[in-house]
């Protein structure tokens, strides 16, 4: 079943509209890492950030 996630980064009270879906968590995490770096300038995600992201992944 596909894995889904929505970006939860907020800037100036605006929520990022980015959303991604992939067949595996590994593929989804690659998309998340690319988005974080290219859009939000986040190059290294902390362990806490990764845990939060993984908790927000849904299936469907």
N, C-alpha and C. Protein backbone atom coordinates (compact mmCIF):
# COMPACT_ATOMS: atom_id res chain seq x y z
N UNK A 1 0.84 -1.17 0.00
CA UNK A 1 0.00 0.00 0.00
C UNK A 1 0.89 1.24 0.00
N UNK A 2 0.49 2.27 -0.73
CA UNK A 2 1.28 3.48 -0.87
C UNK A 2 1.44 4.22 0.46
N UNK A 3 2.56 4.86 0.61
CA UNK A 3 2.86 5.69 1.79
C UNK A 3 2.66 7.15 1.38
N UNK A 4 2.08 7.96 2.28
CA UNK A 4 1.80 9.36 1.97
C UNK A 4 2.27 10.25 3.11
N UNK A 5 2.61 11.48 2.74
CA UNK A 5 3.00 12.46 3.75
C UNK A 5 2.73 13.86 3.22
N UNK A 6 2.45 14.77 4.14
CA UNK A 6 2.24 16.17 3.81
C UNK A 6 3.28 16.98 4.59
N UNK A 7 3.83 18.00 3.95
CA UNK A 7 4.82 18.85 4.61
C UNK A 7 4.14 19.64 5.71
N UNK A 8 4.80 19.76 6.85
CA UNK A 8 4.21 20.52 7.96
C UNK A 8 5.05 21.75 8.32
N UNK A 9 5.92 22.17 7.41
CA UNK A 9 6.73 23.37 7.65
C UNK A 9 5.86 24.60 7.46
N UNK A 10 5.96 25.52 8.41
CA UNK A 10 5.20 26.77 8.35
C UNK A 10 6.17 27.95 8.32
N UNK A 11 5.87 28.91 7.45
CA UNK A 11 6.64 30.15 7.39
C UNK A 11 5.66 31.30 7.35
N UNK A 12 5.83 32.23 8.26
CA UNK A 12 4.98 33.41 8.29
C UNK A 12 3.50 33.03 8.28
N UNK A 13 3.13 32.04 9.07
CA UNK A 13 1.76 31.55 9.21
C UNK A 13 1.21 30.91 7.94
N UNK A 14 2.05 30.66 6.95
CA UNK A 14 1.61 29.96 5.74
C UNK A 14 2.10 28.52 5.82
N UNK A 15 1.20 27.60 5.55
CA UNK A 15 1.55 26.18 5.58
C UNK A 15 2.03 25.76 4.20
N UNK A 16 3.08 24.98 4.14
CA UNK A 16 3.59 24.47 2.88
C UNK A 16 2.58 23.49 2.29
N UNK A 17 2.20 23.65 1.02
CA UNK A 17 1.19 22.78 0.43
C UNK A 17 1.73 21.45 -0.12
N UNK A 18 3.02 21.21 0.02
CA UNK A 18 3.64 20.03 -0.59
C UNK A 18 3.11 18.74 0.00
N UNK A 19 2.95 17.76 -0.88
CA UNK A 19 2.42 16.45 -0.52
C UNK A 19 3.16 15.44 -1.38
N UNK A 20 3.45 14.27 -0.84
CA UNK A 20 4.14 13.23 -1.62
C UNK A 20 3.57 11.86 -1.32
N UNK A 21 3.77 10.98 -2.28
CA UNK A 21 3.32 9.59 -2.15
C UNK A 21 4.34 8.70 -2.83
N UNK A 22 4.57 7.53 -2.27
CA UNK A 22 5.50 6.55 -2.84
C UNK A 22 5.08 5.16 -2.39
N UNK A 23 5.60 4.18 -3.05
CA UNK A 23 5.24 2.79 -2.73
C UNK A 23 5.91 2.30 -1.45
N UNK A 24 7.10 2.84 -1.15
CA UNK A 24 7.80 2.40 0.05
C UNK A 24 8.20 3.61 0.90
N UNK A 25 8.46 3.36 2.18
CA UNK A 25 8.90 4.44 3.06
C UNK A 25 10.26 4.97 2.61
N UNK A 26 11.12 4.09 2.13
CA UNK A 26 12.44 4.51 1.66
C UNK A 26 12.32 5.50 0.50
N UNK A 27 11.46 5.19 -0.48
CA UNK A 27 11.24 6.10 -1.62
C UNK A 27 10.65 7.42 -1.14
N UNK A 28 9.72 7.35 -0.21
CA UNK A 28 9.08 8.55 0.30
C UNK A 28 10.09 9.42 1.06
N UNK A 29 10.95 8.81 1.85
CA UNK A 29 11.95 9.57 2.59
C UNK A 29 12.91 10.30 1.65
N UNK A 30 13.24 9.70 0.51
CA UNK A 30 14.09 10.37 -0.48
C UNK A 30 13.39 11.63 -1.00
N UNK A 31 12.10 11.51 -1.29
CA UNK A 31 11.34 12.67 -1.77
C UNK A 31 11.27 13.75 -0.69
N UNK A 32 11.09 13.33 0.55
CA UNK A 32 11.01 14.28 1.67
C UNK A 32 12.35 15.02 1.82
N UNK A 33 13.44 14.29 1.76
CA UNK A 33 14.76 14.90 1.90
C UNK A 33 15.03 15.90 0.78
N UNK A 34 14.65 15.55 -0.46
CA UNK A 34 14.83 16.46 -1.59
C UNK A 34 13.98 17.72 -1.40
N UNK A 35 12.75 17.56 -0.98
CA UNK A 35 11.87 18.70 -0.76
C UNK A 35 12.42 19.59 0.35
N UNK A 36 12.83 18.99 1.46
CA UNK A 36 13.34 19.75 2.59
C UNK A 36 14.54 20.61 2.18
N UNK A 37 15.44 20.04 1.40
CA UNK A 37 16.63 20.78 0.99
C UNK A 37 16.30 21.82 -0.07
N UNK A 38 15.58 21.43 -1.12
CA UNK A 38 15.34 22.32 -2.26
C UNK A 38 14.37 23.45 -1.95
N UNK A 39 13.38 23.21 -1.11
CA UNK A 39 12.36 24.22 -0.85
C UNK A 39 12.60 24.96 0.46
N UNK A 40 13.02 24.23 1.49
CA UNK A 40 13.15 24.84 2.82
C UNK A 40 14.60 25.05 3.26
N UNK A 41 15.57 24.60 2.46
CA UNK A 41 16.98 24.80 2.79
C UNK A 41 17.47 23.94 3.94
N UNK A 42 16.75 22.87 4.23
CA UNK A 42 17.14 21.96 5.33
C UNK A 42 17.99 20.85 4.74
N UNK A 43 19.29 20.88 5.06
CA UNK A 43 20.21 19.90 4.48
C UNK A 43 20.40 18.68 5.38
N UNK A 44 20.40 18.89 6.67
CA UNK A 44 20.58 17.80 7.62
C UNK A 44 19.41 17.79 8.59
N UNK A 45 18.63 16.74 8.56
CA UNK A 45 17.49 16.64 9.47
C UNK A 45 17.91 15.95 10.76
N UNK A 46 17.48 16.51 11.86
CA UNK A 46 17.81 15.94 13.17
C UNK A 46 17.06 14.62 13.36
N UNK A 47 17.51 13.83 14.31
CA UNK A 47 16.83 12.57 14.62
C UNK A 47 15.39 12.84 15.04
N UNK A 48 15.17 13.91 15.80
CA UNK A 48 13.82 14.25 16.24
C UNK A 48 12.93 14.62 15.05
N UNK A 49 13.47 15.36 14.10
CA UNK A 49 12.71 15.73 12.91
C UNK A 49 12.34 14.48 12.10
N UNK A 50 13.29 13.57 11.96
CA UNK A 50 13.02 12.33 11.22
C UNK A 50 11.94 11.50 11.91
N UNK A 51 11.99 11.44 13.25
CA UNK A 51 10.96 10.71 13.99
C UNK A 51 9.59 11.32 13.77
N UNK A 52 9.53 12.64 13.81
CA UNK A 52 8.26 13.34 13.60
C UNK A 52 7.71 13.08 12.20
N UNK A 53 8.59 13.12 11.22
CA UNK A 53 8.18 12.86 9.84
C UNK A 53 7.64 11.44 9.72
N UNK A 54 8.36 10.48 10.27
CA UNK A 54 7.94 9.08 10.15
C UNK A 54 6.60 8.84 10.86
N UNK A 55 6.34 9.57 11.95
CA UNK A 55 5.05 9.44 12.63
C UNK A 55 3.91 10.01 11.79
N UNK A 56 4.22 10.95 10.91
CA UNK A 56 3.19 11.59 10.11
C UNK A 56 2.87 10.84 8.80
N UNK A 57 3.64 9.82 8.48
CA UNK A 57 3.40 9.04 7.26
C UNK A 57 2.16 8.17 7.44
N UNK A 58 1.30 8.23 6.42
CA UNK A 58 0.08 7.41 6.44
C UNK A 58 0.09 6.45 5.27
N UNK A 59 -0.80 5.50 5.31
CA UNK A 59 -0.94 4.54 4.21
C UNK A 59 -2.29 4.72 3.55
N UNK A 60 -2.30 4.45 2.27
CA UNK A 60 -3.60 4.52 1.61
C UNK A 60 -3.52 4.81 0.16
